[in-house]
Amino acid sequence: MTRTIKSSSLIKTIARDGRTIALKYATQTDAWSRFYLSSDVQEKFVKAVEKKAYIPSNVTEIIMAETDHESPADKRTHFTAQAKDDKGEHVETMHILPASE
């Protein structure tokens, strides 16, 4: 289920295809608040996004909403993230597979 992200915290900014993309994690949605996210999970998310083959050209921000998990709709282990453009508008919800260790 896609939640409305109300606030987020910056993990890292990466360069991709001649643009910068802010990688963040959700700190509050319409259903919950997150007060802490381990640096290990943050780094796994960064590596997963860096490995992702395709990111739409208008995306300037990717916010992790859910840490790596499986779901009934997607049995693969994945992060759920929301991609936004430079105006903060939702572009797409992504399932991002963790990078191979």
C-alpha atoms as a PDB file:
ATOM      1  CA  MET A   1       0.000   0.000   0.000  1.00  0.00           C
ATOM      2  CA  THR A   2       1.350   3.401  -0.947  1.00  0.00           C
ATOM      3  CA  ARG A   3       1.385   5.861   1.938  1.00  0.00           C
ATOM      4  CA  THR A   4       1.498   9.644   1.742  1.00  0.00           C
ATOM      5  CA  ILE A   5       4.964  10.745   2.837  1.00  0.00           C
ATOM      6  CA  LYS A   6       4.754  13.835   5.029  1.00  0.00           C
ATOM      7  CA  SER A   7       8.452  14.240   5.912  1.00  0.00           C
ATOM      8  CA  SER A   8      11.785  12.642   5.087  1.00  0.00           C
ATOM      9  CA  SER A   9      15.471  12.764   5.927  1.00  0.00           C
ATOM     10  CA  LEU A  10      18.374  12.956   3.454  1.00  0.00           C
ATOM     11  CA  ILE A  11      20.654   9.924   3.257  1.00  0.00           C
ATOM     12  CA  LYS A  12      22.869  10.927   0.331  1.00  0.00           C
ATOM     13  CA  THR A  13      22.845  12.781  -2.980  1.00  0.00           C
ATOM     14  CA  ILE A  14      24.055  10.800  -5.981  1.00  0.00           C
ATOM     15  CA  ALA A  15      24.973  11.761  -9.549  1.00  0.00           C
ATOM     16  CA  ARG A  16      23.141   9.839 -12.251  1.00  0.00           C
ATOM     17  CA  ASP A  17      22.990  10.512 -15.999  1.00  0.00           C
ATOM     18  CA  GLY A  18      24.159  14.111 -15.620  1.00  0.00           C
ATOM     19  CA  ARG A  19      21.761  15.019 -12.797  1.00  0.00           C
ATOM     20  CA  THR A  20      21.660  14.783  -9.044  1.00  0.00           C
ATOM     21  CA  ILE A  21      19.151  12.657  -7.167  1.00  0.00           C
ATOM     22  CA  ALA A  22      18.495  13.048  -3.444  1.00  0.00           C
ATOM     23  CA  LEU A  23      18.074   9.705  -1.694  1.00  0.00           C
ATOM     24  CA  LYS A  24      15.959   9.948   1.445  1.00  0.00           C
ATOM     25  CA  TYR A  25      13.979   7.847   3.875  1.00  0.00           C
ATOM     26  CA  ALA A  26      10.485   8.639   5.101  1.00  0.00           C
ATOM     27  CA  THR A  27      10.337   9.866   8.690  1.00  0.00           C
ATOM     28  CA  GLN A  28       6.556  10.325   8.718  1.00  0.00           C
ATOM     29  CA  THR A  29       3.661   9.089   6.586  1.00  0.00           C
ATOM     30  CA  ASP A  30      -0.080   9.380   6.986  1.00  0.00           C
ATOM     31  CA  ALA A  31       0.071   6.161   9.070  1.00  0.00           C
ATOM     32  CA  TRP A  32       3.338   6.151  11.063  1.00  0.00           C
ATOM     33  CA  SER A  33       6.474   7.975  12.220  1.00  0.00           C
ATOM     34  CA  ARG A  34      10.047   6.652  12.019  1.00  0.00           C
ATOM     35  CA  PHE A  35      12.502   8.115  14.485  1.00  0.00           C
ATOM     36  CA  TYR A  36      15.570   6.120  13.462  1.00  0.00           C
ATOM     37  CA  LEU A  37      16.862   4.124  10.498  1.00  0.00           C
ATOM     38  CA  SER A  38      20.122   2.225  10.889  1.00  0.00           C
ATOM     39  CA  SER A  39      23.085   3.276   8.776  1.00  0.00           C
ATOM     40  CA  ASP A  40      23.289  -0.319   7.460  1.00  0.00           C
ATOM     41  CA  VAL A  41      19.760  -0.107   6.006  1.00  0.00           C
ATOM     42  CA  GLN A  42      20.490   3.355   4.610  1.00  0.00           C
ATOM     43  CA  GLU A  43      23.628   2.078   2.870  1.00  0.00           C
ATOM     44  CA  LYS A  44      21.760  -0.961   1.454  1.00  0.00           C
ATOM     45  CA  PHE A  45      19.168   1.415   0.002  1.00  0.00           C
ATOM     46  CA  VAL A  46      21.827   3.675  -1.555  1.00  0.00           C
ATOM     47  CA  LYS A  47      23.560   0.667  -3.156  1.00  0.00           C
ATOM     48  CA  ALA A  48      20.237  -0.650  -4.460  1.00  0.00           C
ATOM     49  CA  VAL A  49      19.354   2.688  -6.097  1.00  0.00           C
ATOM     50  CA  GLU A  50      22.854   3.044  -7.566  1.00  0.00           C
ATOM     51  CA  LYS A  51      22.433  -0.433  -9.109  1.00  0.00           C
ATOM     52  CA  LYS A  52      18.936   0.247 -10.498  1.00  0.00           C
ATOM     53  CA  ALA A  53      19.102   0.224 -14.291  1.00  0.00           C
ATOM     54  CA  TYR A  54      16.332   2.709 -15.032  1.00  0.00           C
ATOM     55  CA  ILE A  55      15.284   5.851 -13.204  1.00  0.00           C
ATOM     56  CA  PRO A  56      12.931   8.198 -15.103  1.00  0.00           C
ATOM     57  CA  SER A  57      14.729  11.316 -16.346  1.00  0.00           C
ATOM     58  CA  ASN A  58      12.489  13.726 -14.410  1.00  0.00           C
ATOM     59  CA  VAL A  59      13.166  12.113 -11.013  1.00  0.00           C
ATOM     60  CA  THR A  60      15.199  14.286  -8.627  1.00  0.00           C
ATOM     61  CA  GLU A  61      14.278  12.594  -5.337  1.00  0.00           C
ATOM     62  CA  ILE A  62      13.744   8.977  -4.275  1.00  0.00           C
ATOM     63  CA  ILE A  63      12.278   8.436  -0.818  1.00  0.00           C
ATOM     64  CA  MET A  64      12.358   4.987   0.791  1.00  0.00           C
ATOM     65  CA  ALA A  65       8.949   4.378   2.346  1.00  0.00           C
ATOM     66  CA  GLU A  66       9.512   0.750   3.366  1.00  0.00           C
ATOM     67  CA  THR A  67      12.734  -1.083   4.188  1.00  0.00           C
ATOM     68  CA  ASP A  68      13.548  -4.310   2.354  1.00  0.00           C
ATOM     69  CA  HIS A  69      10.672  -6.771   2.559  1.00  0.00           C
ATOM     70  CA  GLU A  70       8.486  -9.150   0.554  1.00  0.00           C
ATOM     71  CA  SER A  71       4.814  -8.493  -0.109  1.00  0.00           C
ATOM     72  CA  PRO A  72       1.863 -10.513  -1.434  1.00  0.00           C
ATOM     73  CA  ALA A  73       2.055  -8.530  -4.684  1.00  0.00           C
ATOM     74  CA  ASP A  74       5.860  -8.861  -5.057  1.00  0.00           C
ATOM     75  CA  LYS A  75       7.517 -11.925  -3.538  1.00  0.00           C
ATOM     76  CA  ARG A  76      10.998 -10.584  -4.300  1.00  0.00           C
ATOM     77  CA  THR A  77      12.795  -8.841  -1.456  1.00  0.00           C
ATOM     78  CA  HIS A  78      12.614  -5.127  -2.317  1.00  0.00           C
ATOM     79  CA  PHE A  79      12.555  -1.590  -0.945  1.00  0.00           C
ATOM     80  CA  THR A  80       9.398   0.410  -1.652  1.00  0.00           C
ATOM     81  CA  ALA A  81      10.196   3.992  -2.601  1.00  0.00           C
ATOM     82  CA  GLN A  82       8.447   7.004  -4.043  1.00  0.00           C
ATOM     83  CA  ALA A  83      10.099   8.904  -6.867  1.00  0.00           C
ATOM     84  CA  LYS A  84       9.402  12.644  -7.145  1.00  0.00           C
ATOM     85  CA  ASP A  85      10.257  15.379  -9.620  1.00  0.00           C
ATOM     86  CA  ASP A  86      11.814  18.788  -8.960  1.00  0.00           C
ATOM     87  CA  LYS A  87       8.408  20.193  -7.949  1.00  0.00           C
ATOM     88  CA  GLY A  88       7.876  17.431  -5.368  1.00  0.00           C
ATOM     89  CA  GLU A  89       5.208  15.771  -7.502  1.00  0.00           C
ATOM     90  CA  HIS A  90       4.881  11.979  -7.396  1.00  0.00           C
ATOM     91  CA  VAL A  91       6.356  10.343 -10.512  1.00  0.00           C
ATOM     92  CA  GLU A  92       6.048   6.678  -9.572  1.00  0.00           C
ATOM     93  CA  THR A  93       6.214   4.147  -6.772  1.00  0.00           C
ATOM     94  CA  MET A  94       9.238   1.883  -7.191  1.00  0.00           C
ATOM     95  CA  HIS A  95      10.137  -1.579  -5.978  1.00  0.00           C
ATOM     96  CA  ILE A  96      13.936  -1.479  -5.802  1.00  0.00           C
ATOM     97  CA  LEU A  97      15.781  -4.763  -5.449  1.00  0.00           C
ATOM     98  CA  PRO A  98      18.718  -4.860  -3.035  1.00  0.00           C
ATOM     99  CA  ALA A  99      22.152  -4.910  -4.665  1.00  0.00           C
ATOM    100  CA  SER A 100      23.968  -8.242  -4.589  1.00  0.00           C
ATOM    101  CA  GLU A 101      26.541  -8.338  -1.838  1.00  0.00           C
END
